[in-house]
Amino acid sequence: MLKESALSIVVLCIVLFSTPIETYMSYALNRIFDTTIGVIAALLVNYFLPRPRVVSLWEGFKGSFKKDSKV
């Protein structure tokens, strides 16, 4: 827990010190927009590819290889 907190503080400081003050608002809005798109994409993937379906697809994919294969 402590290591993750320290890393997040380091990332925050790097972003704050490398972003010009004039672009703070646009940078923050772009990050919120990017995160929103990522969350929506993840929700769509989880909705259309639930775990049992992915496992069955993976088993079918593995079964298409030869028995001697290391896959």
N, C-alpha and C. Protein backbone atom coordinates (compact mmCIF):
# COMPACT_ATOMS: atom_id res chain seq x y z
N MET A 1 0.83 -1.20 0.00
CA MET A 1 0.00 0.00 0.00
C MET A 1 0.87 1.25 0.00
N LEU A 2 1.89 1.24 0.79
CA LEU A 2 2.76 2.42 0.88
C LEU A 2 3.52 2.65 -0.41
N LYS A 3 3.96 1.56 -1.05
CA LYS A 3 4.72 1.69 -2.29
C LYS A 3 3.85 2.29 -3.40
N GLU A 4 2.59 1.85 -3.49
CA GLU A 4 1.70 2.38 -4.52
C GLU A 4 1.41 3.86 -4.30
N SER A 5 1.25 4.24 -3.03
CA SER A 5 0.99 5.65 -2.73
C SER A 5 2.19 6.51 -3.10
N ALA A 6 3.37 6.02 -2.80
CA ALA A 6 4.58 6.79 -3.13
C ALA A 6 4.73 6.92 -4.64
N LEU A 7 4.46 5.85 -5.38
CA LEU A 7 4.57 5.91 -6.84
C LEU A 7 3.53 6.87 -7.43
N SER A 8 2.33 6.86 -6.89
CA SER A 8 1.32 7.77 -7.41
C SER A 8 1.69 9.23 -7.13
N ILE A 9 2.29 9.50 -6.00
CA ILE A 9 2.73 10.87 -5.69
C ILE A 9 3.86 11.29 -6.63
N VAL A 10 4.77 10.36 -6.93
CA VAL A 10 5.86 10.67 -7.86
C VAL A 10 5.30 10.99 -9.24
N VAL A 11 4.34 10.19 -9.72
CA VAL A 11 3.73 10.44 -11.02
C VAL A 11 3.01 11.78 -11.03
N LEU A 12 2.28 12.08 -9.97
CA LEU A 12 1.60 13.37 -9.88
C LEU A 12 2.58 14.52 -9.96
N CYS A 13 3.69 14.43 -9.23
CA CYS A 13 4.69 15.50 -9.25
C CYS A 13 5.31 15.65 -10.63
N ILE A 14 5.61 14.54 -11.29
CA ILE A 14 6.19 14.61 -12.64
C ILE A 14 5.22 15.29 -13.59
N VAL A 15 3.94 14.93 -13.52
CA VAL A 15 2.95 15.53 -14.40
C VAL A 15 2.79 17.01 -14.09
N LEU A 16 2.72 17.37 -12.83
CA LEU A 16 2.54 18.78 -12.46
C LEU A 16 3.72 19.64 -12.89
N PHE A 17 4.93 19.12 -12.71
CA PHE A 17 6.10 19.93 -13.03
C PHE A 17 6.43 19.94 -14.51
N SER A 18 5.91 18.98 -15.28
CA SER A 18 6.21 18.95 -16.71
C SER A 18 5.09 19.58 -17.55
N THR A 19 3.97 19.93 -16.93
CA THR A 19 2.86 20.55 -17.65
C THR A 19 2.85 22.05 -17.37
N PRO A 20 2.85 22.87 -18.42
CA PRO A 20 2.81 24.32 -18.19
C PRO A 20 1.52 24.74 -17.48
N ILE A 21 1.60 25.77 -16.67
CA ILE A 21 0.47 26.23 -15.87
C ILE A 21 -0.71 26.61 -16.76
N GLU A 22 -0.44 27.16 -17.93
CA GLU A 22 -1.50 27.60 -18.82
C GLU A 22 -2.36 26.45 -19.33
N THR A 23 -1.82 25.24 -19.32
CA THR A 23 -2.55 24.10 -19.90
C THR A 23 -3.09 23.14 -18.84
N TYR A 24 -3.08 23.54 -17.57
CA TYR A 24 -3.59 22.64 -16.52
C TYR A 24 -5.02 22.21 -16.78
N MET A 25 -5.88 23.17 -17.11
CA MET A 25 -7.30 22.86 -17.27
C MET A 25 -7.53 21.95 -18.48
N SER A 26 -6.92 22.27 -19.60
CA SER A 26 -7.12 21.42 -20.78
C SER A 26 -6.51 20.04 -20.56
N TYR A 27 -5.37 19.97 -19.87
CA TYR A 27 -4.76 18.68 -19.58
C TYR A 27 -5.68 17.84 -18.69
N ALA A 28 -6.24 18.46 -17.67
CA ALA A 28 -7.14 17.74 -16.76
C ALA A 28 -8.39 17.26 -17.50
N LEU A 29 -8.96 18.11 -18.34
CA LEU A 29 -10.15 17.70 -19.09
C LEU A 29 -9.83 16.58 -20.08
N ASN A 30 -8.67 16.66 -20.72
CA ASN A 30 -8.27 15.58 -21.62
C ASN A 30 -8.08 14.27 -20.88
N ARG A 31 -7.49 14.33 -19.69
CA ARG A 31 -7.31 13.11 -18.89
C ARG A 31 -8.65 12.52 -18.47
N ILE A 32 -9.59 13.37 -18.08
CA ILE A 32 -10.93 12.90 -17.70
C ILE A 32 -11.61 12.27 -18.91
N PHE A 33 -11.48 12.91 -20.08
CA PHE A 33 -12.07 12.38 -21.29
C PHE A 33 -11.46 11.03 -21.66
N ASP A 34 -10.13 10.91 -21.60
CA ASP A 34 -9.45 9.65 -21.90
C ASP A 34 -9.87 8.54 -20.93
N THR A 35 -9.96 8.89 -19.66
CA THR A 35 -10.36 7.90 -18.66
C THR A 35 -11.79 7.44 -18.89
N THR A 36 -12.66 8.36 -19.24
CA THR A 36 -14.06 8.02 -19.52
C THR A 36 -14.15 7.06 -20.70
N ILE A 37 -13.41 7.34 -21.76
CA ILE A 37 -13.40 6.43 -22.91
C ILE A 37 -12.88 5.05 -22.51
N GLY A 38 -11.84 5.01 -21.70
CA GLY A 38 -11.28 3.73 -21.26
C GLY A 38 -12.26 2.94 -20.41
N VAL A 39 -12.97 3.61 -19.52
CA VAL A 39 -13.96 2.93 -18.67
C VAL A 39 -15.11 2.39 -19.52
N ILE A 40 -15.57 3.19 -20.47
CA ILE A 40 -16.66 2.73 -21.34
C ILE A 40 -16.21 1.53 -22.18
N ALA A 41 -15.00 1.58 -22.71
CA ALA A 41 -14.47 0.46 -23.49
C ALA A 41 -14.37 -0.80 -22.62
N ALA A 42 -13.90 -0.65 -21.39
CA ALA A 42 -13.79 -1.81 -20.50
C ALA A 42 -15.16 -2.38 -20.16
N LEU A 43 -16.13 -1.52 -19.93
CA LEU A 43 -17.48 -2.01 -19.64
C LEU A 43 -18.08 -2.74 -20.84
N LEU A 44 -17.84 -2.22 -22.04
CA LEU A 44 -18.34 -2.89 -23.24
C LEU A 44 -17.68 -4.26 -23.44
N VAL A 45 -16.38 -4.33 -23.21
CA VAL A 45 -15.68 -5.61 -23.34
C VAL A 45 -16.22 -6.60 -22.32
N ASN A 46 -16.41 -6.17 -21.09
CA ASN A 46 -16.93 -7.06 -20.06
C ASN A 46 -18.37 -7.48 -20.34
N TYR A 47 -19.15 -6.61 -20.97
CA TYR A 47 -20.53 -6.94 -21.29
C TYR A 47 -20.60 -7.94 -22.44
N PHE A 48 -19.84 -7.70 -23.50
CA PHE A 48 -19.93 -8.55 -24.69
C PHE A 48 -19.06 -9.79 -24.61
N LEU A 49 -18.05 -9.79 -23.75
CA LEU A 49 -17.19 -10.95 -23.57
C LEU A 49 -17.10 -11.33 -22.10
N PRO A 50 -18.17 -11.86 -21.52
CA PRO A 50 -18.09 -12.28 -20.12
C PRO A 50 -17.11 -13.44 -19.97
N ARG A 51 -16.61 -13.65 -18.78
CA ARG A 51 -15.55 -14.63 -18.54
C ARG A 51 -15.86 -16.03 -19.08
N PRO A 52 -17.04 -16.61 -18.84
CA PRO A 52 -17.27 -17.96 -19.38
C PRO A 52 -17.13 -18.02 -20.91
N ARG A 53 -17.57 -16.98 -21.58
CA ARG A 53 -17.45 -16.95 -23.04
C ARG A 53 -16.00 -16.86 -23.48
N VAL A 54 -15.19 -16.04 -22.79
CA VAL A 54 -13.78 -15.91 -23.13
C VAL A 54 -13.06 -17.23 -22.87
N VAL A 55 -13.38 -17.89 -21.77
CA VAL A 55 -12.73 -19.16 -21.45
C VAL A 55 -13.07 -20.20 -22.52
N SER A 56 -14.33 -20.25 -22.94
CA SER A 56 -14.69 -21.22 -23.97
C SER A 56 -14.01 -20.89 -25.30
N LEU A 57 -13.91 -19.62 -25.65
CA LEU A 57 -13.19 -19.24 -26.87
C LEU A 57 -11.72 -19.62 -26.79
N TRP A 58 -11.11 -19.41 -25.62
CA TRP A 58 -9.70 -19.73 -25.44
C TRP A 58 -9.48 -21.24 -25.52
N GLU A 59 -10.35 -22.02 -24.92
CA GLU A 59 -10.21 -23.47 -24.98
C GLU A 59 -10.34 -23.96 -26.43
N GLY A 60 -11.27 -23.39 -27.18
CA GLY A 60 -11.41 -23.74 -28.59
C GLY A 60 -10.18 -23.34 -29.39
N PHE A 61 -9.61 -22.19 -29.06
CA PHE A 61 -8.39 -21.72 -29.73
C PHE A 61 -7.23 -22.66 -29.45
N LYS A 62 -7.07 -23.04 -28.18
CA LYS A 62 -5.98 -23.95 -27.83
C LYS A 62 -6.18 -25.32 -28.46
N GLY A 63 -7.44 -25.76 -28.58
CA GLY A 63 -7.73 -27.07 -29.16
C GLY A 63 -7.45 -27.13 -30.65
N SER A 64 -7.32 -25.98 -31.31
CA SER A 64 -7.08 -25.99 -32.75
C SER A 64 -5.62 -26.28 -33.09
N PHE A 65 -4.74 -26.29 -32.08
CA PHE A 65 -3.34 -26.60 -32.32
C PHE A 65 -3.11 -28.10 -32.18
N LYS A 66 -1.97 -28.54 -32.68
CA LYS A 66 -1.63 -29.97 -32.58
C LYS A 66 -1.40 -30.34 -31.12
N LYS A 67 -1.53 -31.61 -30.85
CA LYS A 67 -1.33 -32.10 -29.48
C LYS A 67 0.11 -31.92 -29.02
N ASP A 68 1.07 -31.93 -29.93
CA ASP A 68 2.49 -31.83 -29.59
C ASP A 68 2.93 -30.39 -29.35
N SER A 69 2.06 -29.45 -29.61
CA SER A 69 2.40 -28.05 -29.49
C SER A 69 2.57 -27.65 -28.02
N LYS A 70 3.41 -26.67 -27.75
CA LYS A 70 3.66 -26.21 -26.38
C LYS A 70 2.72 -25.08 -25.99
N VAL A 71 1.73 -24.76 -26.80
CA VAL A 71 0.81 -23.63 -26.51
C VAL A 71 -0.18 -24.02 -25.46
